[in-house]
Amino acid sequence: MNVEQLMSVLREYPPSLRLVIVVEQHPMVEMTVVELMLKLMTQPPGALLTYYGCSNCILREKMDSKGGDAIVPMCKMWLELDLR
């Protein structure tokens, strides 16, 4: 995935949404979507995404529902950028 493609995908999410960067199954950094977008803006749009020496990535939506009731469950959502 190149920088431009990832930026396009990230624009679909709220800027304040938490994002966890995972490298080889180990959480490395936690930031917001907008913080990652600002870092990506410093790179050329066509450049391959390389973070922590890894260029293959999978972006996942993660949810954790705790508490709440049957009608409106309490859900916590974040993104996980899995780099390999």
PDB file of N, CA and C in Angstrom:
ATOM      1  N   MET A   1       0.857  -1.168   0.000  1.00  0.00           N
ATOM      2  CA  MET A   1       0.000   0.000   0.000  1.00  0.00           C
ATOM      3  C   MET A   1       0.900   1.227   0.000  1.00  0.00           C
ATOM      4  N   ASN A   2       0.524   2.204  -0.828  1.00  0.00           N
ATOM      5  CA  ASN A   2       1.328   3.422  -0.804  1.00  0.00           C
ATOM      6  C   ASN A   2       0.667   4.476   0.090  1.00  0.00           C
ATOM      7  N   VAL A   3       1.370   5.566   0.315  1.00  0.00           N
ATOM      8  CA  VAL A   3       0.927   6.614   1.232  1.00  0.00           C
ATOM      9  C   VAL A   3      -0.420   7.187   0.803  1.00  0.00           C
ATOM     10  N   GLU A   4      -0.585   7.454  -0.479  1.00  0.00           N
ATOM     11  CA  GLU A   4      -1.829   8.032  -0.993  1.00  0.00           C
ATOM     12  C   GLU A   4      -3.021   7.105  -0.748  1.00  0.00           C
ATOM     13  N   GLN A   5      -2.831   5.805  -0.941  1.00  0.00           N
ATOM     14  CA  GLN A   5      -3.914   4.847  -0.713  1.00  0.00           C
ATOM     15  C   GLN A   5      -4.314   4.810   0.758  1.00  0.00           C
ATOM     16  N   LEU A   6      -3.330   4.775   1.648  1.00  0.00           N
ATOM     17  CA  LEU A   6      -3.635   4.747   3.077  1.00  0.00           C
ATOM     18  C   LEU A   6      -4.325   6.034   3.506  1.00  0.00           C
ATOM     19  N   MET A   7      -3.859   7.178   3.006  1.00  0.00           N
ATOM     20  CA  MET A   7      -4.505   8.459   3.337  1.00  0.00           C
ATOM     21  C   MET A   7      -5.963   8.448   2.898  1.00  0.00           C
ATOM     22  N   SER A   8      -6.238   7.904   1.727  1.00  0.00           N
ATOM     23  CA  SER A   8      -7.606   7.828   1.215  1.00  0.00           C
ATOM     24  C   SER A   8      -8.489   6.990   2.132  1.00  0.00           C
ATOM     25  N   VAL A   9      -7.975   5.881   2.616  1.00  0.00           N
ATOM     26  CA  VAL A   9      -8.740   5.019   3.520  1.00  0.00           C
ATOM     27  C   VAL A   9      -8.946   5.709   4.864  1.00  0.00           C
ATOM     28  N   LEU A  10      -7.907   6.348   5.392  1.00  0.00           N
ATOM     29  CA  LEU A  10      -8.003   7.000   6.700  1.00  0.00           C
ATOM     30  C   LEU A  10      -8.991   8.158   6.706  1.00  0.00           C
ATOM     31  N   ARG A  11      -9.205   8.803   5.554  1.00  0.00           N
ATOM     32  CA  ARG A  11     -10.157   9.920   5.473  1.00  0.00           C
ATOM     33  C   ARG A  11     -11.591   9.479   5.764  1.00  0.00           C
ATOM     34  N   GLU A  12     -11.866   8.191   5.694  1.00  0.00           N
ATOM     35  CA  GLU A  12     -13.204   7.671   5.955  1.00  0.00           C
ATOM     36  C   GLU A  12     -13.517   7.580   7.454  1.00  0.00           C
ATOM     37  N   TYR A  13     -12.525   7.777   8.294  1.00  0.00           N
ATOM     38  CA  TYR A  13     -12.693   7.630   9.740  1.00  0.00           C
ATOM     39  C   TYR A  13     -12.608   8.984  10.436  1.00  0.00           C
ATOM     40  N   PRO A  14     -13.227   9.102  11.613  1.00  0.00           N
ATOM     41  CA  PRO A  14     -13.122  10.351  12.370  1.00  0.00           C
ATOM     42  C   PRO A  14     -11.665  10.630  12.742  1.00  0.00           C
ATOM     43  N   PRO A  15     -11.236  11.879  12.636  1.00  0.00           N
ATOM     44  CA  PRO A  15      -9.837  12.222  12.933  1.00  0.00           C
ATOM     45  C   PRO A  15      -9.404  11.855  14.351  1.00  0.00           C
ATOM     46  N   SER A  16     -10.331  11.851  15.301  1.00  0.00           N
ATOM     47  CA  SER A  16      -9.968  11.572  16.696  1.00  0.00           C
ATOM     48  C   SER A  16      -9.978  10.083  17.036  1.00  0.00           C
ATOM     49  N   LEU A  17     -10.333   9.225  16.087  1.00  0.00           N
ATOM     50  CA  LEU A  17     -10.375   7.787  16.336  1.00  0.00           C
ATOM     51  C   LEU A  17      -8.976   7.271  16.659  1.00  0.00           C
ATOM     52  N   ARG A  18      -8.874   6.446  17.696  1.00  0.00           N
ATOM     53  CA  ARG A  18      -7.590   5.884  18.099  1.00  0.00           C
ATOM     54  C   ARG A  18      -7.108   4.867  17.075  1.00  0.00           C
ATOM     55  N   LEU A  19      -5.809   4.810  16.867  1.00  0.00           N
ATOM     56  CA  LEU A  19      -5.192   3.894  15.932  1.00  0.00           C
ATOM     57  C   LEU A  19      -3.984   3.267  16.615  1.00  0.00           C
ATOM     58  N   VAL A  20      -3.921   1.951  16.583  1.00  0.00           N
ATOM     59  CA  VAL A  20      -2.801   1.232  17.181  1.00  0.00           C
ATOM     60  C   VAL A  20      -1.962   0.642  16.051  1.00  0.00           C
ATOM     61  N   ILE A  21      -0.668   0.923  16.068  1.00  0.00           N
ATOM     62  CA  ILE A  21       0.240   0.363  15.070  1.00  0.00           C
ATOM     63  C   ILE A  21       0.878  -0.876  15.677  1.00  0.00           C
ATOM     64  N   VAL A  22       0.667  -2.000  14.993  1.00  0.00           N
ATOM     65  CA  VAL A  22       1.161  -3.297  15.452  1.00  0.00           C
ATOM     66  C   VAL A  22       2.232  -3.769  14.472  1.00  0.00           C
ATOM     67  N   VAL A  23       3.390  -4.125  14.991  1.00  0.00           N
ATOM     68  CA  VAL A  23       4.478  -4.630  14.158  1.00  0.00           C
ATOM     69  C   VAL A  23       4.791  -6.052  14.606  1.00  0.00           C
ATOM     70  N   GLU A  24       4.609  -6.983  13.680  1.00  0.00           N
ATOM     71  CA  GLU A  24       4.848  -8.399  13.946  1.00  0.00           C
ATOM     72  C   GLU A  24       4.200  -8.838  15.255  1.00  0.00           C
ATOM     73  N   GLN A  25       2.917  -8.522  15.378  1.00  0.00           N
ATOM     74  CA  GLN A  25       2.048  -8.931  16.482  1.00  0.00           C
ATOM     75  C   GLN A  25       2.338  -8.235  17.811  1.00  0.00           C
ATOM     76  N   HIS A  26       3.126  -7.158  17.790  1.00  0.00           N
ATOM     77  CA  HIS A  26       3.419  -6.419  19.010  1.00  0.00           C
ATOM     78  C   HIS A  26       2.946  -4.972  18.854  1.00  0.00           C
ATOM     79  N   PRO A  27       2.033  -4.496  19.707  1.00  0.00           N
ATOM     80  CA  PRO A  27       1.623  -3.083  19.639  1.00  0.00           C
ATOM     81  C   PRO A  27       2.822  -2.184  19.899  1.00  0.00           C
ATOM     82  N   MET A  28       3.062  -1.244  18.972  1.00  0.00           N
ATOM     83  CA  MET A  28       4.235  -0.374  19.088  1.00  0.00           C
ATOM     84  C   MET A  28       3.859   1.056  19.471  1.00  0.00           C
ATOM     85  N   VAL A  29       2.852   1.609  18.791  1.00  0.00           N
ATOM     86  CA  VAL A  29       2.499   3.011  18.974  1.00  0.00           C
ATOM     87  C   VAL A  29       0.983   3.144  18.950  1.00  0.00           C
ATOM     88  N   GLU A  30       0.473   4.031  19.771  1.00  0.00           N
ATOM     89  CA  GLU A  30      -0.947   4.367  19.725  1.00  0.00           C
ATOM     90  C   GLU A  30      -1.047   5.856  19.448  1.00  0.00           C
ATOM     91  N   MET A  31      -1.874   6.203  18.464  1.00  0.00           N
ATOM     92  CA  MET A  31      -2.060   7.600  18.079  1.00  0.00           C
ATOM     93  C   MET A  31      -3.469   7.764  17.528  1.00  0.00           C
ATOM     94  N   THR A  32      -3.810   8.959  17.099  1.00  0.00           N
ATOM     95  CA  THR A  32      -5.103   9.174  16.456  1.00  0.00           C
ATOM     96  C   THR A  32      -4.927   9.100  14.939  1.00  0.00           C
ATOM     97  N   VAL A  33      -6.040   8.983  14.248  1.00  0.00           N
ATOM     98  CA  VAL A  33      -6.012   8.947  12.785  1.00  0.00           C
ATOM     99  C   VAL A  33      -5.357  10.211  12.244  1.00  0.00           C
ATOM    100  N   VAL A  34      -5.713  11.362  12.779  1.00  0.00           N
ATOM    101  CA  VAL A  34      -5.154  12.617  12.267  1.00  0.00           C
ATOM    102  C   VAL A  34      -3.643  12.705  12.522  1.00  0.00           C
ATOM    103  N   GLU A  35      -3.165  12.163  13.634  1.00  0.00           N
ATOM    104  CA  GLU A  35      -1.725  12.179  13.897  1.00  0.00           C
ATOM    105  C   GLU A  35      -0.970  11.359  12.852  1.00  0.00           C
ATOM    106  N   LEU A  36      -1.520  10.194  12.484  1.00  0.00           N
ATOM    107  CA  LEU A  36      -0.870   9.395  11.450  1.00  0.00           C
ATOM    108  C   LEU A  36      -0.941  10.101  10.104  1.00  0.00           C
ATOM    109  N   MET A  37      -2.076  10.723   9.802  1.00  0.00           N
ATOM    110  CA  MET A  37      -2.212  11.433   8.527  1.00  0.00           C
ATOM    111  C   MET A  37      -1.186  12.568   8.426  1.00  0.00           C
ATOM    112  N   LEU A  38      -0.956  13.270   9.522  1.00  0.00           N
ATOM    113  CA  LEU A  38       0.044  14.346   9.514  1.00  0.00           C
ATOM    114  C   LEU A  38       1.435  13.786   9.243  1.00  0.00           C
ATOM    115  N   LYS A  39       1.754  12.634   9.813  1.00  0.00           N
ATOM    116  CA  LYS A  39       3.056  12.007   9.555  1.00  0.00           C
ATOM    117  C   LYS A  39       3.157  11.582   8.089  1.00  0.00           C
ATOM    118  N   LEU A  40       2.067  11.062   7.539  1.00  0.00           N
ATOM    119  CA  LEU A  40       2.075  10.604   6.153  1.00  0.00           C
ATOM    120  C   LEU A  40       2.192  11.756   5.159  1.00  0.00           C
ATOM    121  N   MET A  41       1.723  12.948   5.541  1.00  0.00           N
ATOM    122  CA  MET A  41       1.771  14.112   4.647  1.00  0.00           C
ATOM    123  C   MET A  41       3.196  14.539   4.329  1.00  0.00           C
ATOM    124  N   THR A  42       4.151  14.142   5.132  1.00  0.00           N
ATOM    125  CA  THR A  42       5.540  14.523   4.896  1.00  0.00           C
ATOM    126  C   THR A  42       6.213  13.626   3.857  1.00  0.00           C
ATOM    127  N   GLN A  43       5.525  12.569   3.433  1.00  0.00           N
ATOM    128  CA  GLN A  43       6.086  11.634   2.457  1.00  0.00           C
ATOM    129  C   GLN A  43       5.452  11.862   1.092  1.00  0.00           C
ATOM    130  N   PRO A  44       6.145  11.524   0.014  1.00  0.00           N
ATOM    131  CA  PRO A  44       5.561  11.636  -1.325  1.00  0.00           C
ATOM    132  C   PRO A  44       4.342  10.715  -1.445  1.00  0.00           C
ATOM    133  N   PRO A  45       3.258  11.167  -2.104  1.00  0.00           N
ATOM    134  CA  PRO A  45       2.024  10.382  -2.194  1.00  0.00           C
ATOM    135  C   PRO A  45       2.198   8.982  -2.786  1.00  0.00           C
ATOM    136  N   GLY A  46       3.088   8.817  -3.742  1.00  0.00           N
ATOM    137  CA  GLY A  46       3.263   7.515  -4.386  1.00  0.00           C
ATOM    138  C   GLY A  46       4.241   6.599  -3.669  1.00  0.00           C
ATOM    139  N   ALA A  47       4.841   7.090  -2.574  1.00  0.00           N
ATOM    140  CA  ALA A  47       5.832   6.286  -1.855  1.00  0.00           C
ATOM    141  C   ALA A  47       5.163   5.116  -1.150  1.00  0.00           C
ATOM    142  N   LEU A  48       5.856   3.990  -1.127  1.00  0.00           N
ATOM    143  CA  LEU A  48       5.349   2.851  -0.372  1.00  0.00           C
ATOM    144  C   LEU A  48       5.386   3.165   1.108  1.00  0.00           C
ATOM    145  N   LEU A  49       4.347   2.734   1.809  1.00  0.00           N
ATOM    146  CA  LEU A  49       4.308   2.923   3.251  1.00  0.00           C
ATOM    147  C   LEU A  49       5.366   2.029   3.880  1.00  0.00           C
ATOM    148  N   THR A  50       6.310   2.628   4.561  1.00  0.00           N
ATOM    149  CA  THR A  50       7.322   1.871   5.284  1.00  0.00           C
ATOM    150  C   THR A  50       7.385   2.434   6.692  1.00  0.00           C
ATOM    151  N   TYR A  51       7.032   1.619   7.646  1.00  0.00           N
ATOM    152  CA  TYR A  51       6.983   2.043   9.033  1.00  0.00           C
ATOM    153  C   TYR A  51       7.643   0.958   9.853  1.00  0.00           C
ATOM    154  N   TYR A  52       8.583   1.298  10.673  1.00  0.00           N
ATOM    155  CA  TYR A  52       9.342   0.327  11.459  1.00  0.00           C
ATOM    156  C   TYR A  52       9.984  -0.725  10.552  1.00  0.00           C
ATOM    157  N   GLY A  53      10.391  -0.320   9.361  1.00  0.00           N
ATOM    158  CA  GLY A  53      11.054  -1.219   8.433  1.00  0.00           C
ATOM    159  C   GLY A  53      10.138  -2.205   7.731  1.00  0.00           C
ATOM    160  N   CYS A  54       8.842  -2.088   7.922  1.00  0.00           N
ATOM    161  CA  CYS A  54       7.874  -3.002   7.306  1.00  0.00           C
ATOM    162  C   CYS A  54       7.064  -2.246   6.257  1.00  0.00           C
ATOM    163  N   SER A  55       6.799  -2.911   5.129  1.00  0.00           N
ATOM    164  CA  SER A  55       6.037  -2.239   4.076  1.00  0.00           C
ATOM    165  C   SER A  55       4.691  -2.890   3.783  1.00  0.00           C
ATOM    166  N   ASN A  56       4.437  -4.092   4.281  1.00  0.00           N
ATOM    167  CA  ASN A  56       3.135  -4.736   4.097  1.00  0.00           C
ATOM    168  C   ASN A  56       2.247  -4.404   5.288  1.00  0.00           C
ATOM    169  N   CYS A  57       1.014  -3.973   4.999  1.00  0.00           N
ATOM    170  CA  CYS A  57       0.149  -3.616   6.113  1.00  0.00           C
ATOM    171  C   CYS A  57      -1.289  -4.052   5.866  1.00  0.00           C
ATOM    172  N   ILE A  58      -1.979  -4.254   6.962  1.00  0.00           N
ATOM    173  CA  ILE A  58      -3.408  -4.567   6.961  1.00  0.00           C
ATOM    174  C   ILE A  58      -4.050  -3.588   7.928  1.00  0.00           C
ATOM    175  N   LEU A  59      -5.103  -2.923   7.488  1.00  0.00           N
ATOM    176  CA  LEU A  59      -5.828  -1.993   8.347  1.00  0.00           C
ATOM    177  C   LEU A  59      -7.112  -2.690   8.791  1.00  0.00           C
ATOM    178  N   ARG A  60      -7.292  -2.811  10.102  1.00  0.00           N
ATOM    179  CA  ARG A  60      -8.465  -3.497  10.645  1.00  0.00           C
ATOM    180  C   ARG A  60      -9.253  -2.568  11.549  1.00  0.00           C
ATOM    181  N   GLU A  61     -10.577  -2.716  11.486  1.00  0.00           N
ATOM    182  CA  GLU A  61     -11.439  -2.052  12.461  1.00  0.00           C
ATOM    183  C   GLU A  61     -11.584  -3.004  13.636  1.00  0.00           C
ATOM    184  N   LYS A  62     -11.375  -2.508  14.827  1.00  0.00           N
ATOM    185  CA  LYS A  62     -11.494  -3.329  16.029  1.00  0.00           C
ATOM    186  C   LYS A  62     -12.603  -2.754  16.896  1.00  0.00           C
ATOM    187  N   MET A  63     -13.358  -3.627  17.522  1.00  0.00           N
ATOM    188  CA  MET A  63     -14.438  -3.192  18.411  1.00  0.00           C
ATOM    189  C   MET A  63     -14.409  -4.017  19.682  1.00  0.00           C
ATOM    190  N   ASP A  64     -14.752  -3.376  20.761  1.00  0.00           N
ATOM    191  CA  ASP A  64     -14.842  -4.042  22.052  1.00  0.00           C
ATOM    192  C   ASP A  64     -16.127  -3.558  22.702  1.00  0.00           C
ATOM    193  N   SER A  65     -17.071  -4.458  22.890  1.00  0.00           N
ATOM    194  CA  SER A  65     -18.330  -4.046  23.518  1.00  0.00           C
ATOM    195  C   SER A  65     -18.328  -4.497  24.971  1.00  0.00           C
ATOM    196  N   LYS A  66     -18.465  -3.532  25.831  1.00  0.00           N
ATOM    197  CA  LYS A  66     -18.507  -3.812  27.265  1.00  0.00           C
ATOM    198  C   LYS A  66     -19.651  -3.033  27.875  1.00  0.00           C
ATOM    199  N   GLY A  67     -20.381  -3.688  28.740  1.00  0.00           N
ATOM    200  CA  GLY A  67     -21.460  -3.007  29.438  1.00  0.00           C
ATOM    201  C   GLY A  67     -22.610  -2.684  28.514  1.00  0.00           C
ATOM    202  N   GLY A  68     -23.312  -1.616  28.812  1.00  0.00           N
ATOM    203  CA  GLY A  68     -24.456  -1.218  28.005  1.00  0.00           C
ATOM    204  C   GLY A  68     -25.644  -2.131  28.253  1.00  0.00           C
ATOM    205  N   ASP A  69     -26.620  -2.025  27.398  1.00  0.00           N
ATOM    206  CA  ASP A  69     -27.787  -2.891  27.514  1.00  0.00           C
ATOM    207  C   ASP A  69     -28.062  -3.546  26.172  1.00  0.00           C
ATOM    208  N   ALA A  70     -29.141  -4.321  26.102  1.00  0.00           N
ATOM    209  CA  ALA A  70     -29.455  -5.071  24.881  1.00  0.00           C
ATOM    210  C   ALA A  70     -29.827  -4.148  23.725  1.00  0.00           C
ATOM    211  N   ILE A  71     -30.367  -2.973  24.021  1.00  0.00           N
ATOM    212  CA  ILE A  71     -30.813  -2.066  22.966  1.00  0.00           C
ATOM    213  C   ILE A  71     -29.640  -1.272  22.401  1.00  0.00           C
ATOM    214  N   VAL A  72     -28.854  -0.679  23.271  1.00  0.00           N
ATOM    215  CA  VAL A  72     -27.712   0.125  22.826  1.00  0.00           C
ATOM    216  C   VAL A  72     -26.467  -0.346  23.566  1.00  0.00           C
ATOM    217  N   PRO A  73     -25.747  -1.307  23.013  1.00  0.00           N
ATOM    218  CA  PRO A  73     -24.533  -1.766  23.702  1.00  0.00           C
ATOM    219  C   PRO A  73     -23.441  -0.702  23.658  1.00  0.00           C
ATOM    220  N   MET A  74     -22.630  -0.668  24.692  1.00  0.00           N
ATOM    221  CA  MET A  74     -21.492   0.255  24.726  1.00  0.00           C
ATOM    222  C   MET A  74     -20.374  -0.362  23.905  1.00  0.00           C
ATOM    223  N   CYS A  75     -19.933   0.343  22.885  1.00  0.00           N
ATOM    224  CA  CYS A  75     -18.865  -0.170  22.019  1.00  0.00           C
ATOM    225  C   CYS A  75     -17.715   0.818  21.965  1.00  0.00           C
ATOM    226  N   LYS A  76     -16.542   0.285  21.990  1.00  0.00           N
ATOM    227  CA  LYS A  76     -15.346   1.091  21.821  1.00  0.00           C
ATOM    228  C   LYS A  76     -14.724   0.642  20.505  1.00  0.00           C
ATOM    229  N   MET A  77     -14.447   1.576  19.619  1.00  0.00           N
ATOM    230  CA  MET A  77     -13.896   1.230  18.318  1.00  0.00           C
ATOM    231  C   MET A  77     -12.543   1.890  18.144  1.00  0.00           C
ATOM    232  N   TRP A  78     -11.634   1.191  17.488  1.00  0.00           N
ATOM    233  CA  TRP A  78     -10.350   1.747  17.133  1.00  0.00           C
ATOM    234  C   TRP A  78      -9.855   1.046  15.873  1.00  0.00           C
ATOM    235  N   LEU A  79      -8.822   1.584  15.287  1.00  0.00           N
ATOM    236  CA  LEU A  79      -8.203   0.972  14.103  1.00  0.00           C
ATOM    237  C   LEU A  79      -6.888   0.331  14.505  1.00  0.00           C
ATOM    238  N   GLU A  80      -6.554  -0.729  13.791  1.00  0.00           N
ATOM    239  CA  GLU A  80      -5.280  -1.384  14.006  1.00  0.00           C
ATOM    240  C   GLU A  80      -4.560  -1.443  12.662  1.00  0.00           C
ATOM    241  N   LEU A  81      -3.387  -0.888  12.613  1.00  0.00           N
ATOM    242  CA  LEU A  81      -2.546  -0.940  11.421  1.00  0.00           C
ATOM    243  C   LEU A  81      -1.495  -2.009  11.671  1.00  0.00           C
ATOM    244  N   ASP A  82      -1.682  -3.166  11.064  1.00  0.00           N
ATOM    245  CA  ASP A  82      -0.825  -4.321  11.285  1.00  0.00           C
ATOM    246  C   ASP A  82       0.248  -4.346  10.196  1.00  0.00           C
ATOM    247  N   LEU A  83       1.498  -4.144  10.602  1.00  0.00           N
ATOM    248  CA  LEU A  83       2.631  -4.100   9.663  1.00  0.00           C
ATOM    249  C   LEU A  83       3.437  -5.381   9.747  1.00  0.00           C
ATOM    250  N   ARG A  84       3.838  -5.866   8.585  1.00  0.00           N
ATOM    251  CA  ARG A  84       4.620  -7.111   8.526  1.00  0.00           C
ATOM    252  C   ARG A  84       5.783  -6.959   7.587  1.00  0.00           C
TER     253      ARG A  84
END
